[in-house]
N, C-alpha and C. Protein backbone atom coordinates (compact mmCIF):
# COMPACT_ATOMS: atom_id res chain seq x y z
N MET A 1 45.80 74.24 177.86
CA MET A 1 46.63 75.70 177.44
C MET A 1 46.08 76.50 175.99
N ARG A 2 45.95 77.41 176.16
CA ARG A 2 45.25 78.97 175.43
C ARG A 2 46.09 79.43 174.56
N ASP A 3 46.14 79.34 173.23
CA ASP A 3 46.42 80.19 172.30
C ASP A 3 46.72 81.73 171.77
N LYS A 4 47.55 81.56 171.34
CA LYS A 4 47.94 83.22 171.55
C LYS A 4 46.33 83.64 170.25
N LEU A 5 46.59 84.38 169.93
CA LEU A 5 45.87 86.17 169.12
C LEU A 5 46.72 86.27 169.02
N PRO A 6 46.55 85.81 167.43
CA PRO A 6 47.36 86.75 166.40
C PRO A 6 47.54 88.19 166.42
N VAL A 7 48.04 89.24 165.83
CA VAL A 7 48.12 90.48 165.97
C VAL A 7 47.99 90.75 163.55
N ILE A 8 46.30 90.75 163.60
CA ILE A 8 46.31 90.81 162.26
C ILE A 8 45.47 92.00 161.83
N SER A 9 45.68 93.19 160.58
CA SER A 9 44.63 94.01 160.17
C SER A 9 44.07 93.43 160.26
N GLY A 10 42.74 94.73 159.41
CA GLY A 10 40.89 94.50 158.95
C GLY A 10 41.42 93.25 157.49
N LYS A 11 41.95 94.15 156.55
CA LYS A 11 42.40 94.06 155.60
C LYS A 11 42.39 92.21 155.46
N GLU A 12 43.58 91.85 156.21
CA GLU A 12 44.43 90.53 156.61
C GLU A 12 42.81 89.48 156.65
N LEU A 13 42.57 90.03 157.31
CA LEU A 13 41.86 89.08 158.07
C LEU A 13 40.72 89.25 157.26
N VAL A 14 40.11 90.17 156.57
CA VAL A 14 39.20 89.48 154.91
C VAL A 14 39.33 88.91 153.96
N ALA A 15 41.23 88.63 153.77
CA ALA A 15 41.07 88.44 152.63
C ALA A 15 41.38 86.35 153.56
N ILE A 16 41.08 86.19 154.39
CA ILE A 16 41.42 85.23 155.89
C ILE A 16 40.07 84.30 155.32
N LEU A 17 39.58 85.48 155.60
CA LEU A 17 37.50 85.10 155.80
C LEU A 17 37.40 84.25 154.55
N GLN A 18 37.77 85.35 153.15
CA GLN A 18 38.24 85.09 151.68
C GLN A 18 38.01 83.42 151.52
N ARG A 19 39.23 83.31 152.31
CA ARG A 19 39.95 81.84 152.10
C ARG A 19 39.24 80.46 152.84
N ILE A 20 38.37 80.87 153.09
CA ILE A 20 37.56 79.61 153.85
C ILE A 20 36.15 80.10 153.44
N GLY A 21 35.76 80.55 152.32
CA GLY A 21 34.75 80.81 152.06
C GLY A 21 33.51 81.64 152.41
N PHE A 22 33.87 83.17 152.75
CA PHE A 22 33.34 84.25 153.21
C PHE A 22 33.28 85.36 152.01
N GLU A 23 32.66 85.67 151.11
CA GLU A 23 32.19 86.34 150.53
C GLU A 23 31.93 87.90 151.43
N VAL A 24 32.44 89.25 150.79
CA VAL A 24 31.90 90.33 151.12
C VAL A 24 30.28 90.81 150.15
N ILE A 25 30.04 91.03 151.39
CA ILE A 25 28.76 91.59 150.62
C ILE A 25 28.10 92.87 150.58
N ARG A 26 29.37 93.91 151.51
CA ARG A 26 28.60 94.96 151.70
C ARG A 26 30.02 96.04 152.11
N ILE A 27 29.94 96.90 151.56
CA ILE A 27 31.32 97.43 151.86
C ILE A 27 30.36 98.92 152.58
N LYS A 28 30.78 99.21 153.90
CA LYS A 28 29.79 100.91 154.12
C LYS A 28 31.22 101.53 155.12
N GLY A 29 31.77 102.39 154.46
CA GLY A 29 33.09 102.87 154.95
C GLY A 29 33.70 102.10 155.40
N SER A 30 35.25 102.00 155.95
CA SER A 30 35.41 101.01 156.30
C SER A 30 35.61 99.60 156.53
N HIS A 31 33.77 99.62 157.04
CA HIS A 31 33.51 98.28 157.12
C HIS A 31 32.64 97.11 156.52
N HIS A 32 33.74 95.54 156.56
CA HIS A 32 33.23 94.59 156.13
C HIS A 32 32.27 94.34 155.76
N ARG A 33 31.05 94.41 155.78
CA ARG A 33 30.33 93.49 155.99
C ARG A 33 30.52 91.47 155.06
N MET A 34 30.89 90.67 155.91
CA MET A 34 30.66 89.19 155.13
C MET A 34 30.09 88.61 155.21
N LYS A 35 29.53 87.51 153.83
CA LYS A 35 28.88 85.91 154.92
C LYS A 35 29.31 85.16 154.15
N HIS A 36 28.74 83.52 154.64
CA HIS A 36 29.41 83.02 154.25
C HIS A 36 28.15 81.96 153.98
N ALA A 37 27.75 80.98 153.00
CA ALA A 37 26.99 79.81 152.45
C ALA A 37 26.08 79.65 153.39
N ASP A 38 26.84 79.36 154.26
CA ASP A 38 26.29 78.38 156.02
C ASP A 38 25.38 79.86 156.78
N GLY A 39 24.98 80.63 156.22
CA GLY A 39 24.70 81.16 156.57
C GLY A 39 25.42 82.72 157.95
N ARG A 40 27.27 82.05 158.58
CA ARG A 40 27.42 82.63 159.20
C ARG A 40 27.37 84.66 158.39
N ILE A 41 27.45 85.46 159.06
CA ILE A 41 28.29 87.19 159.53
C ILE A 41 28.66 87.40 160.23
N THR A 42 29.88 88.92 159.64
CA THR A 42 30.29 89.07 159.85
C THR A 42 30.88 90.47 159.43
N THR A 43 31.39 91.36 160.58
CA THR A 43 31.91 93.18 160.56
C THR A 43 33.20 93.14 160.55
N VAL A 44 34.38 93.15 159.55
CA VAL A 44 35.60 93.55 159.85
C VAL A 44 35.31 95.38 159.69
N PRO A 45 36.25 96.00 161.00
CA PRO A 45 36.32 97.20 160.30
C PRO A 45 37.87 96.42 158.72
N VAL A 46 38.60 97.31 158.45
CA VAL A 46 39.00 97.82 157.98
C VAL A 46 39.96 99.80 157.35
N HIS A 47 40.76 99.48 158.57
CA HIS A 47 41.73 100.55 158.76
C HIS A 47 42.73 100.86 158.82
N LYS A 48 42.97 101.30 157.22
CA LYS A 48 44.65 100.67 156.34
C LYS A 48 45.22 99.18 156.83
N ASN A 49 46.04 99.90 157.46
CA ASN A 49 46.83 98.36 158.13
C ASN A 49 46.79 98.27 159.43
N ASP A 50 45.93 98.67 160.36
CA ASP A 50 46.06 99.44 161.46
C ASP A 50 45.52 97.44 161.98
N PRO A 51 46.29 97.34 163.60
CA PRO A 51 45.46 95.98 164.07
C PRO A 51 44.85 95.81 164.17
N LEU A 52 43.79 94.87 164.14
CA LEU A 52 42.28 94.77 164.85
C LEU A 52 42.80 94.78 166.66
N PRO A 53 41.28 95.53 167.35
CA PRO A 53 41.77 94.78 168.94
C PRO A 53 41.90 93.55 168.51
N LYS A 54 42.14 93.39 170.26
CA LYS A 54 42.75 91.67 170.54
C LYS A 54 40.76 91.53 170.80
N GLY A 55 40.49 92.69 171.58
CA GLY A 55 39.03 91.85 171.81
C GLY A 55 37.69 91.67 170.75
N LEU A 56 38.23 92.82 169.44
CA LEU A 56 37.53 92.08 168.64
C LEU A 56 37.60 91.05 168.03
N LEU A 57 39.00 90.81 167.84
CA LEU A 57 38.98 89.34 167.08
C LEU A 57 38.62 88.74 168.24
N ARG A 58 38.69 88.54 168.95
CA ARG A 58 38.34 87.19 170.65
C ARG A 58 36.41 86.94 169.38
N LYS A 59 36.07 88.33 168.94
CA LYS A 59 35.04 88.44 169.81
C LYS A 59 34.22 87.47 167.67
N ILE A 60 35.62 88.44 166.88
CA ILE A 60 34.87 87.37 165.68
C ILE A 60 34.77 86.21 165.92
N ILE A 61 35.84 85.78 166.46
CA ILE A 61 36.74 84.29 166.38
C ILE A 61 34.85 83.62 167.09
N ARG A 62 35.21 84.00 167.93
CA ARG A 62 34.17 83.42 168.84
C ARG A 62 32.90 83.55 168.54
N GLU A 63 32.21 84.75 168.27
CA GLU A 63 31.16 84.54 167.59
C GLU A 63 30.06 84.21 166.90
N ASP A 64 31.24 85.18 166.07
CA ASP A 64 30.73 85.48 164.42
C ASP A 64 31.53 84.21 163.78
N LEU A 65 32.43 83.68 164.05
CA LEU A 65 32.66 82.64 162.74
C LEU A 65 32.11 81.09 163.23
N LEU A 66 32.39 81.41 164.73
CA LEU A 66 31.72 80.00 165.65
C LEU A 66 32.93 78.68 165.49
N ILE A 67 34.54 79.34 165.73
CA ILE A 67 35.59 77.90 165.99
C ILE A 67 36.46 78.72 167.01
N SER A 68 37.16 78.02 167.34
CA SER A 68 38.19 77.61 168.77
C SER A 68 39.19 79.11 167.53
N LEU A 69 39.46 79.33 168.43
CA LEU A 69 40.96 79.75 168.25
C LEU A 69 42.20 79.26 168.25
N GLU A 70 42.36 78.12 168.35
CA GLU A 70 42.76 76.77 167.94
C GLU A 70 42.80 76.68 166.51
N GLU A 71 41.83 76.36 166.27
CA GLU A 71 40.85 76.34 165.06
C GLU A 71 41.28 77.44 163.63
N PHE A 72 41.38 78.76 164.34
CA PHE A 72 42.25 79.42 163.60
C PHE A 72 43.06 79.81 163.31
N ASN A 73 43.73 79.63 164.53
CA ASN A 73 45.46 79.28 163.85
C ASN A 73 46.13 78.31 163.20
N GLN A 74 44.50 77.36 162.76
CA GLN A 74 45.42 76.57 161.68
C GLN A 74 44.69 77.28 160.60
N ILE A 75 44.07 78.06 160.37
CA ILE A 75 43.63 78.54 159.54
C ILE A 75 45.07 78.90 158.65
N LEU A 76 45.34 80.01 159.98
CA LEU A 76 46.45 80.82 159.34
C LEU A 76 47.39 79.99 158.38
N ASP A 77 47.10 78.71 158.99
CA ASP A 77 49.30 78.47 159.20
C ASP A 77 49.13 77.14 157.65
N LYS A 78 48.04 77.80 157.49
CA LYS A 78 47.60 77.28 155.48
C LYS A 78 48.95 78.30 154.82
């Protein structure tokens, strides 16, 4: 079964990533560059409280965070 992708803003995603060990290393305009101690890096656009596009959120979770949608939803539930 496929887990549902949550609707969250870039601001919320930055806060979630900080909870799991990412830190903001650079902000250029509205883009927050974040890095984890293990070397994973991602860029999160923070445009007011606008929700992130589904495709972008899916790409960040799968390709940048290297976790499954299920794992991401578990982090959200904590």
